PDB file of N, CA and C in Angstrom:
ATOM      1  N   MET A   1     -22.328-124.800 -41.152  1.00  0.00           N
ATOM      2  CA  MET A   1     -23.264-124.305 -40.151  1.00  0.00           C
ATOM      3  C   MET A   1     -24.557-125.121 -40.180  1.00  0.00           C
ATOM      4  N   ALA A   2     -25.073-125.361 -41.385  1.00  0.00           N
ATOM      5  CA  ALA A   2     -26.315-126.130 -41.497  1.00  0.00           C
ATOM      6  C   ALA A   2     -26.086-127.573 -41.078  1.00  0.00           C
ATOM      7  N   PHE A   3     -24.924-128.115 -41.391  1.00  0.00           N
ATOM      8  CA  PHE A   3     -24.603-129.482 -40.991  1.00  0.00           C
ATOM      9  C   PHE A   3     -24.571-129.586 -39.465  1.00  0.00           C
ATOM     10  N   THR A   4     -24.033-128.561 -38.806  1.00  0.00           N
ATOM     11  CA  THR A   4     -24.030-128.508 -37.347  1.00  0.00           C
ATOM     12  C   THR A   4     -25.457-128.478 -36.825  1.00  0.00           C
ATOM     13  N   GLY A   5     -26.335-127.771 -37.524  1.00  0.00           N
ATOM     14  CA  GLY A   5     -27.745-127.728 -37.135  1.00  0.00           C
ATOM     15  C   GLY A   5     -28.389-129.102 -37.199  1.00  0.00           C
ATOM     16  N   ILE A   6     -28.074-129.863 -38.234  1.00  0.00           N
ATOM     17  CA  ILE A   6     -28.632-131.225 -38.357  1.00  0.00           C
ATOM     18  C   ILE A   6     -28.093-132.103 -37.231  1.00  0.00           C
ATOM     19  N   LEU A   7     -26.805-132.021 -36.955  1.00  0.00           N
ATOM     20  CA  LEU A   7     -26.235-132.822 -35.870  1.00  0.00           C
ATOM     21  C   LEU A   7     -26.868-132.450 -34.536  1.00  0.00           C
ATOM     22  N   PHE A   8     -27.060-131.151 -34.304  1.00  0.00           N
ATOM     23  CA  PHE A   8     -27.674-130.704 -33.057  1.00  0.00           C
ATOM     24  C   PHE A   8     -29.112-131.207 -32.963  1.00  0.00           C
ATOM     25  N   GLY A   9     -29.843-131.147 -34.063  1.00  0.00           N
ATOM     26  CA  GLY A   9     -31.225-131.625 -34.069  1.00  0.00           C
ATOM     27  C   GLY A   9     -31.311-133.116 -33.798  1.00  0.00           C
ATOM     28  N   MET A  10     -30.420-133.885 -34.409  1.00  0.00           N
ATOM     29  CA  MET A  10     -30.439-135.334 -34.187  1.00  0.00           C
ATOM     30  C   MET A  10     -30.017-135.671 -32.758  1.00  0.00           C
ATOM     31  N   LEU A  11     -29.033-134.944 -32.240  1.00  0.00           N
ATOM     32  CA  LEU A  11     -28.617-135.159 -30.859  1.00  0.00           C
ATOM     33  C   LEU A  11     -29.773-134.833 -29.909  1.00  0.00           C
ATOM     34  N   ALA A  12     -30.480-133.739 -30.188  1.00  0.00           N
ATOM     35  CA  ALA A  12     -31.644-133.388 -29.379  1.00  0.00           C
ATOM     36  C   ALA A  12     -32.704-134.476 -29.473  1.00  0.00           C
ATOM     37  N   GLY A  13     -32.878-135.039 -30.657  1.00  0.00           N
ATOM     38  CA  GLY A  13     -33.832-136.123 -30.830  1.00  0.00           C
ATOM     39  C   GLY A  13     -33.483-137.322 -29.969  1.00  0.00           C
ATOM     40  N   VAL A  14     -32.200-137.689 -29.950  1.00  0.00           N
ATOM     41  CA  VAL A  14     -31.759-138.829 -29.139  1.00  0.00           C
ATOM     42  C   VAL A  14     -31.947-138.525 -27.654  1.00  0.00           C
ATOM     43  N   VAL A  15     -31.561-137.320 -27.241  1.00  0.00           N
ATOM     44  CA  VAL A  15     -31.675-136.942 -25.826  1.00  0.00           C
ATOM     45  C   VAL A  15     -33.132-136.961 -25.384  1.00  0.00           C
ATOM     46  N   PHE A  16     -34.012-136.351 -26.184  1.00  0.00           N
ATOM     47  CA  PHE A  16     -35.421-136.316 -25.811  1.00  0.00           C
ATOM     48  C   PHE A  16     -36.028-137.716 -25.800  1.00  0.00           C
ATOM     49  N   THR A  17     -35.588-138.572 -26.699  1.00  0.00           N
ATOM     50  CA  THR A  17     -36.102-139.951 -26.708  1.00  0.00           C
ATOM     51  C   THR A  17     -35.663-140.685 -25.440  1.00  0.00           C
ATOM     52  N   PHE A  18     -34.389-140.529 -25.047  1.00  0.00           N
ATOM     53  CA  PHE A  18     -33.931-141.181 -23.813  1.00  0.00           C
ATOM     54  C   PHE A  18     -34.636-140.611 -22.589  1.00  0.00           C
ATOM     55  N   LEU A  19     -34.874-139.290 -22.591  1.00  0.00           N
ATOM     56  CA  LEU A  19     -35.629-138.701 -21.488  1.00  0.00           C
ATOM     57  C   LEU A  19     -37.021-139.321 -21.421  1.00  0.00           C
ATOM     58  N   GLY A  20     -37.615-139.532 -22.574  1.00  0.00           N
ATOM     59  CA  GLY A  20     -38.939-140.148 -22.611  1.00  0.00           C
ATOM     60  C   GLY A  20     -38.919-141.566 -22.069  1.00  0.00           C
ATOM     61  N   VAL A  21     -37.851-142.314 -22.376  1.00  0.00           N
ATOM     62  CA  VAL A  21     -37.773-143.695 -21.916  1.00  0.00           C
ATOM     63  C   VAL A  21     -37.561-143.748 -20.402  1.00  0.00           C
ATOM     64  N   TRP A  22     -36.736-142.846 -19.856  1.00  0.00           N
ATOM     65  CA  TRP A  22     -36.371-142.949 -18.442  1.00  0.00           C
ATOM     66  C   TRP A  22     -37.280-142.164 -17.519  1.00  0.00           C
ATOM     67  N   HIS A  23     -38.117-141.301 -18.031  1.00  0.00           N
ATOM     68  CA  HIS A  23     -38.986-140.478 -17.188  1.00  0.00           C
ATOM     69  C   HIS A  23     -40.275-141.249 -16.912  1.00  0.00           C
ATOM     70  N   LEU A  24     -40.170-142.338 -16.160  1.00  0.00           N
ATOM     71  CA  LEU A  24     -41.254-143.311 -16.042  1.00  0.00           C
ATOM     72  C   LEU A  24     -42.400-142.834 -15.154  1.00  0.00           C
ATOM     73  N   ASP A  25     -42.129-141.920 -14.218  1.00  0.00           N
ATOM     74  CA  ASP A  25     -43.207-141.498 -13.332  1.00  0.00           C
ATOM     75  C   ASP A  25     -44.264-140.674 -14.069  1.00  0.00           C
ATOM     76  N   PHE A  26     -43.931-140.192 -15.246  1.00  0.00           N
ATOM     77  CA  PHE A  26     -44.891-139.440 -16.064  1.00  0.00           C
ATOM     78  C   PHE A  26     -45.817-140.389 -16.819  1.00  0.00           C
ATOM     79  N   GLY A  27     -45.472-141.653 -16.837  1.00  0.00           N
ATOM     80  CA  GLY A  27     -46.209-142.622 -17.657  1.00  0.00           C
ATOM     81  C   GLY A  27     -45.344-142.942 -18.864  1.00  0.00           C
ATOM     82  N   PHE A  28     -44.961-144.187 -18.991  1.00  0.00           N
ATOM     83  CA  PHE A  28     -43.964-144.567 -19.991  1.00  0.00           C
ATOM     84  C   PHE A  28     -44.361-144.135 -21.402  1.00  0.00           C
ATOM     85  N   TRP A  29     -45.569-144.504 -21.838  1.00  0.00           N
ATOM     86  CA  TRP A  29     -45.942-144.234 -23.228  1.00  0.00           C
ATOM     87  C   TRP A  29     -46.178-142.760 -23.467  1.00  0.00           C
ATOM     88  N   GLN A  30     -46.743-142.072 -22.467  1.00  0.00           N
ATOM     89  CA  GLN A  30     -46.932-140.617 -22.616  1.00  0.00           C
ATOM     90  C   GLN A  30     -45.587-139.911 -22.729  1.00  0.00           C
ATOM     91  N   ALA A  31     -44.661-140.303 -21.846  1.00  0.00           N
ATOM     92  CA  ALA A  31     -43.341-139.672 -21.875  1.00  0.00           C
ATOM     93  C   ALA A  31     -42.627-139.953 -23.189  1.00  0.00           C
ATOM     94  N   LEU A  32     -42.706-141.212 -23.636  1.00  0.00           N
ATOM     95  CA  LEU A  32     -42.047-141.578 -24.888  1.00  0.00           C
ATOM     96  C   LEU A  32     -42.622-140.778 -26.055  1.00  0.00           C
ATOM     97  N   ALA A  33     -43.940-140.672 -26.088  1.00  0.00           N
ATOM     98  CA  ALA A  33     -44.576-139.923 -27.174  1.00  0.00           C
ATOM     99  C   ALA A  33     -44.198-138.448 -27.112  1.00  0.00           C
ATOM    100  N   THR A  34     -44.205-137.874 -25.914  1.00  0.00           N
ATOM    101  CA  THR A  34     -43.911-136.444 -25.769  1.00  0.00           C
ATOM    102  C   THR A  34     -42.473-136.126 -26.127  1.00  0.00           C
ATOM    103  N   TYR A  35     -41.544-136.833 -25.490  1.00  0.00           N
ATOM    104  CA  TYR A  35     -40.131-136.507 -25.677  1.00  0.00           C
ATOM    105  C   TYR A  35     -39.616-136.904 -27.052  1.00  0.00           C
ATOM    106  N   SER A  36     -40.013-138.093 -27.530  1.00  0.00           N
ATOM    107  CA  SER A  36     -39.517-138.476 -28.856  1.00  0.00           C
ATOM    108  C   SER A  36     -40.169-137.611 -29.923  1.00  0.00           C
ATOM    109  N   GLY A  37     -41.407-137.183 -29.683  1.00  0.00           N
ATOM    110  CA  GLY A  37     -42.055-136.256 -30.620  1.00  0.00           C
ATOM    111  C   GLY A  37     -41.317-134.937 -30.676  1.00  0.00           C
ATOM    112  N   THR A  38     -40.902-134.432 -29.515  1.00  0.00           N
ATOM    113  CA  THR A  38     -40.123-133.187 -29.476  1.00  0.00           C
ATOM    114  C   THR A  38     -38.779-133.373 -30.167  1.00  0.00           C
ATOM    115  N   GLY A  39     -38.149-134.517 -29.914  1.00  0.00           N
ATOM    116  CA  GLY A  39     -36.863-134.792 -30.561  1.00  0.00           C
ATOM    117  C   GLY A  39     -36.997-134.899 -32.067  1.00  0.00           C
ATOM    118  N   THR A  40     -38.070-135.551 -32.521  1.00  0.00           N
ATOM    119  CA  THR A  40     -38.312-135.659 -33.960  1.00  0.00           C
ATOM    120  C   THR A  40     -38.547-134.289 -34.569  1.00  0.00           C
ATOM    121  N   LEU A  41     -39.274-133.439 -33.842  1.00  0.00           N
ATOM    122  CA  LEU A  41     -39.521-132.076 -34.317  1.00  0.00           C
ATOM    123  C   LEU A  41     -38.205-131.306 -34.437  1.00  0.00           C
ATOM    124  N   CYS A  42     -37.332-131.461 -33.444  1.00  0.00           N
ATOM    125  CA  CYS A  42     -36.016-130.805 -33.509  1.00  0.00           C
ATOM    126  C   CYS A  42     -35.242-131.258 -34.741  1.00  0.00           C
ATOM    127  N   THR A  43     -35.255-132.566 -34.985  1.00  0.00           N
ATOM    128  CA  THR A  43     -34.537-133.103 -36.142  1.00  0.00           C
ATOM    129  C   THR A  43     -35.144-132.590 -37.442  1.00  0.00           C
ATOM    130  N   ALA A  44     -36.477-132.581 -37.512  1.00  0.00           N
ATOM    131  CA  ALA A  44     -37.143-132.106 -38.729  1.00  0.00           C
ATOM    132  C   ALA A  44     -36.835-130.635 -38.980  1.00  0.00           C
ATOM    133  N   LEU A  45     -36.845-129.828 -37.931  1.00  0.00           N
ATOM    134  CA  LEU A  45     -36.527-128.408 -38.084  1.00  0.00           C
ATOM    135  C   LEU A  45     -35.079-128.219 -38.536  1.00  0.00           C
ATOM    136  N   ALA A  46     -34.180-129.032 -37.992  1.00  0.00           N
ATOM    137  CA  ALA A  46     -32.772-128.926 -38.391  1.00  0.00           C
ATOM    138  C   ALA A  46     -32.596-129.276 -39.860  1.00  0.00           C
ATOM    139  N   ILE A  47     -33.261-130.354 -40.300  1.00  0.00           N
ATOM    140  CA  ILE A  47     -33.147-130.765 -41.706  1.00  0.00           C
ATOM    141  C   ILE A  47     -33.786-129.721 -42.615  1.00  0.00           C
ATOM    142  N   ALA A  48     -34.934-129.179 -42.196  1.00  0.00           N
ATOM    143  CA  ALA A  48     -35.583-128.129 -42.999  1.00  0.00           C
ATOM    144  C   ALA A  48     -34.682-126.904 -43.105  1.00  0.00           C
ATOM    145  N   GLY A  49     -34.051-126.539 -41.994  1.00  0.00           N
ATOM    146  CA  GLY A  49     -33.115-125.408 -42.028  1.00  0.00           C
ATOM    147  C   GLY A  49     -31.958-125.662 -42.965  1.00  0.00           C
ATOM    148  N   PHE A  50     -31.454-126.896 -42.955  1.00  0.00           N
ATOM    149  CA  PHE A  50     -30.356-127.251 -43.849  1.00  0.00           C
ATOM    150  C   PHE A  50     -30.805-127.155 -45.311  1.00  0.00           C
ATOM    151  N   LEU A  51     -32.000-127.694 -45.602  1.00  0.00           N
ATOM    152  CA  LEU A  51     -32.485-127.671 -46.981  1.00  0.00           C
ATOM    153  C   LEU A  51     -32.725-126.244 -47.455  1.00  0.00           C
ATOM    154  N   LEU A  52     -33.288-125.402 -46.592  1.00  0.00           N
ATOM    155  CA  LEU A  52     -33.520-124.006 -46.971  1.00  0.00           C
ATOM    156  C   LEU A  52     -32.202-123.287 -47.213  1.00  0.00           C
ATOM    157  N   THR A  53     -31.235-123.531 -46.347  1.00  0.00           N
ATOM    158  CA  THR A  53     -29.926-122.901 -46.513  1.00  0.00           C
ATOM    159  C   THR A  53     -29.267-123.386 -47.799  1.00  0.00           C
ATOM    160  N   ASP A  54     -29.376-124.696 -48.026  1.00  0.00           N
ATOM    161  CA  ASP A  54     -28.739-125.303 -49.194  1.00  0.00           C
ATOM    162  C   ASP A  54     -29.365-124.771 -50.477  1.00  0.00           C
ATOM    163  N   THR A  55     -30.700-124.661 -50.533  1.00  0.00           N
ATOM    164  CA  THR A  55     -31.334-124.185 -51.761  1.00  0.00           C
ATOM    165  C   THR A  55     -31.061-122.707 -51.987  1.00  0.00           C
ATOM    166  N   SER A  56     -30.960-121.919 -50.913  1.00  0.00           N
ATOM    167  CA  SER A  56     -30.671-120.504 -51.115  1.00  0.00           C
ATOM    168  C   SER A  56     -29.260-120.320 -51.665  1.00  0.00           C
ATOM    169  N   LYS A  57     -28.323-121.169 -51.214  1.00  0.00           N
ATOM    170  CA  LYS A  57     -26.961-121.090 -51.754  1.00  0.00           C
ATOM    171  C   LYS A  57     -26.939-121.512 -53.215  1.00  0.00           C
ATOM    172  N   SER A  58     -27.674-122.562 -53.572  1.00  0.00           N
ATOM    173  CA  SER A  58     -27.664-123.010 -54.959  1.00  0.00           C
ATOM    174  C   SER A  58     -28.369-121.995 -55.856  1.00  0.00           C
ATOM    175  N   ALA A  59     -29.379-121.292 -55.316  1.00  0.00           N
ATOM    176  CA  ALA A  59     -30.044-120.257 -56.110  1.00  0.00           C
ATOM    177  C   ALA A  59     -29.070-119.119 -56.405  1.00  0.00           C
ATOM    178  N   ASP A  60     -28.266-118.734 -55.405  1.00  0.00           N
ATOM    179  CA  ASP A  60     -27.254-117.705 -55.633  1.00  0.00           C
ATOM    180  C   ASP A  60     -26.229-118.173 -56.655  1.00  0.00           C
ATOM    181  N   LEU A  61     -25.864-119.442 -56.583  1.00  0.00           N
ATOM    182  CA  LEU A  61     -24.901-119.990 -57.525  1.00  0.00           C
ATOM    183  C   LEU A  61     -25.461-119.951 -58.949  1.00  0.00           C
ATOM    184  N   GLU A  62     -26.745-120.288 -59.091  1.00  0.00           N
ATOM    185  CA  GLU A  62     -27.376-120.248 -60.412  1.00  0.00           C
ATOM    186  C   GLU A  62     -27.401-118.821 -60.953  1.00  0.00           C
ATOM    187  N   LYS A  63     -27.674-117.846 -60.077  1.00  0.00           N
ATOM    188  CA  LYS A  63     -27.665-116.441 -60.512  1.00  0.00           C
ATOM    189  C   LYS A  63     -26.281-116.052 -61.012  1.00  0.00           C
ATOM    190  N   ASP A  64     -25.255-116.468 -60.257  1.00  0.00           N
ATOM    191  CA  ASP A  64     -23.885-116.141 -60.659  1.00  0.00           C
ATOM    192  C   ASP A  64     -23.534-116.794 -61.992  1.00  0.00           C
ATOM    193  N   GLN A  65     -23.972-118.042 -62.192  1.00  0.00           N
ATOM    194  CA  GLN A  65     -23.703-118.726 -63.455  1.00  0.00           C
ATOM    195  C   GLN A  65     -24.436-118.032 -64.601  1.00  0.00           C
ATOM    196  N   PHE A  66     -25.669-117.577 -64.334  1.00  0.00           N
ATOM    197  CA  PHE A  66     -26.436-116.891 -65.374  1.00  0.00           C
ATOM    198  C   PHE A  66     -25.756-115.581 -65.749  1.00  0.00           C
ATOM    199  N   LYS A  67     -25.236-114.853 -64.744  1.00  0.00           N
ATOM    200  CA  LYS A  67     -24.544-113.589 -65.022  1.00  0.00           C
ATOM    201  C   LYS A  67     -23.291-113.832 -65.857  1.00  0.00           C
ATOM    202  N   SER A  68     -22.582-114.924 -65.556  1.00  0.00           N
ATOM    203  CA  SER A  68     -21.334-115.169 -66.265  1.00  0.00           C
ATOM    204  C   SER A  68     -21.590-115.612 -67.707  1.00  0.00           C
ATOM    205  N   THR A  69     -22.727-116.273 -67.956  1.00  0.00           N
ATOM    206  CA  THR A  69     -23.004-116.711 -69.326  1.00  0.00           C
ATOM    207  C   THR A  69     -23.673-115.608 -70.136  1.00  0.00           C
ATOM    208  N   ALA A  70     -24.321-114.660 -69.465  1.00  0.00           N
ATOM    209  CA  ALA A  70     -25.043-113.606 -70.189  1.00  0.00           C
ATOM    210  C   ALA A  70     -24.093-112.552 -70.722  1.00  0.00           C
TER     211      ALA A  70
END
């Protein structure tokens, strides 16, 4: 699930970057900054979600290991 989130975030990043490149009537550099910034934010949020999910799973695993050794 988290891996799907990262893929979705990166895909959103690519889409927003291309929108920024092709949306020229808004002003090329403004559009590029706006859309690629949004895409980067999507990717960062996806990676953060993955890391949070991953650490919560490893914390549960550590608890289970502690219970089994205690």
